[in-house]
Amino acid sequence: MGSGSRSAGDCSYIIAAVITAPAMVRLGVPEFAAHMFIFYYAVLSEVSPPTALAPFAAAAMTGGNPYKTTMIAWKYTLPAFLVHSSLL
């Protein structure tokens, strides 16, 4: 953060924002809410399977098992998906 480097999360957000935000706004979702919704899932996409880039990078830096690290990360992020989907 703050180093000026871009992460895969930034790319996920940009791609989803360009494709999805205009449609959400046309459907009546406030623009700020649409972008926060997209940002939320762009961040979660970094730790959830099938891509799970963040756990693989963390495992490489620490010498851990990347698959075990991914499953532990998924265990901690799964409630974020479940809570949000139950609110819909």
Protein backbone atom coordinates (compact mmCIF):
# COMPACT_ATOMS: atom_id res chain seq x y z
CA MET A 1 0.00 0.00 0.00
CA GLY A 2 1.27 3.42 -0.89
CA SER A 3 4.31 2.17 -2.79
CA GLY A 4 2.78 2.97 -6.16
CA SER A 5 2.82 -0.64 -7.28
CA ARG A 6 -0.28 -2.28 -8.66
CA SER A 7 -1.65 -5.57 -7.43
CA ALA A 8 -3.88 -8.14 -9.04
CA GLY A 9 -6.72 -6.78 -6.89
CA ASP A 10 -6.45 -3.44 -8.65
CA CYS A 11 -6.71 -5.17 -12.01
CA SER A 12 -9.73 -7.18 -10.84
CA TYR A 13 -11.45 -4.02 -9.67
CA ILE A 14 -10.71 -2.06 -12.84
CA ILE A 15 -11.95 -4.80 -15.14
CA ALA A 16 -15.11 -5.41 -13.11
CA ALA A 17 -15.78 -1.69 -12.69
CA VAL A 18 -15.57 -1.03 -16.42
CA ILE A 19 -17.87 -3.95 -17.27
CA THR A 20 -20.29 -4.12 -14.34
CA ALA A 21 -20.65 -0.64 -12.80
CA PRO A 22 -22.51 0.97 -15.74
CA ALA A 23 -25.07 -1.84 -15.76
CA MET A 24 -25.57 -1.60 -12.01
CA VAL A 25 -26.04 2.17 -12.20
CA ARG A 26 -28.60 1.77 -15.00
CA LEU A 27 -30.48 -0.69 -12.78
CA GLY A 28 -30.79 1.99 -10.11
CA VAL A 29 -27.90 1.16 -7.80
CA PRO A 30 -26.17 4.33 -6.55
CA GLU A 31 -22.79 4.74 -8.25
CA PHE A 32 -20.82 4.73 -4.99
CA ALA A 33 -22.60 1.57 -3.77
CA ALA A 34 -21.97 -0.17 -7.08
CA HIS A 35 -18.26 0.55 -6.89
CA MET A 36 -18.02 -0.54 -3.25
CA PHE A 37 -19.82 -3.80 -4.14
CA ILE A 38 -17.35 -4.39 -6.97
CA PHE A 39 -14.36 -3.48 -4.77
CA TYR A 40 -15.54 -5.88 -2.05
CA TYR A 41 -15.59 -8.82 -4.42
CA ALA A 42 -12.37 -7.76 -6.16
CA VAL A 43 -10.60 -7.96 -2.80
CA LEU A 44 -12.19 -11.31 -1.95
CA SER A 45 -11.20 -12.70 -5.34
CA GLU A 46 -7.56 -12.51 -4.29
CA VAL A 47 -7.97 -15.02 -1.46
CA SER A 48 -10.67 -17.34 -2.75
CA PRO A 49 -10.29 -20.31 -5.07
CA PRO A 50 -9.80 -20.91 -7.95
CA THR A 51 -7.23 -18.12 -8.41
CA ALA A 52 -6.15 -17.45 -4.81
CA LEU A 53 -3.10 -15.40 -5.74
CA ALA A 54 -2.58 -13.94 -2.27
CA PRO A 55 -2.36 -17.29 -0.39
CA PHE A 56 0.00 -18.69 -3.02
CA ALA A 57 2.25 -15.63 -2.69
CA ALA A 58 2.15 -15.86 1.11
CA ALA A 59 3.01 -19.55 1.00
CA ALA A 60 5.93 -18.88 -1.35
CA MET A 61 7.31 -16.18 0.96
CA THR A 62 6.99 -18.30 4.10
CA GLY A 63 7.86 -21.69 2.61
CA GLY A 64 4.43 -23.10 3.44
CA ASN A 65 2.19 -25.43 1.50
CA PRO A 66 0.30 -23.27 -1.02
CA TYR A 67 -2.78 -25.52 -1.14
CA LYS A 68 -3.10 -25.73 2.64
CA THR A 69 -2.62 -21.96 2.89
CA THR A 70 -5.33 -21.44 0.26
CA MET A 71 -7.80 -23.62 2.13
CA ILE A 72 -7.11 -21.81 5.41
CA ALA A 73 -7.61 -18.45 3.67
CA TRP A 74 -10.84 -19.74 2.13
CA LYS A 75 -12.01 -20.87 5.58
CA TYR A 76 -11.59 -17.30 6.86
CA THR A 77 -13.19 -15.60 3.84
CA LEU A 78 -16.12 -17.96 3.34
CA PRO A 79 -18.23 -16.16 5.98
CA ALA A 80 -17.84 -12.93 3.98
CA PHE A 81 -19.48 -14.62 1.01
CA LEU A 82 -22.20 -16.24 3.11
CA VAL A 83 -23.12 -13.11 5.08
CA HIS A 84 -23.36 -11.02 1.94
CA SER A 85 -25.43 -13.57 0.03
CA SER A 86 -27.86 -13.93 2.96
CA LEU A 87 -28.48 -10.16 2.87
CA LEU A 88 -29.58 -10.36 -0.75
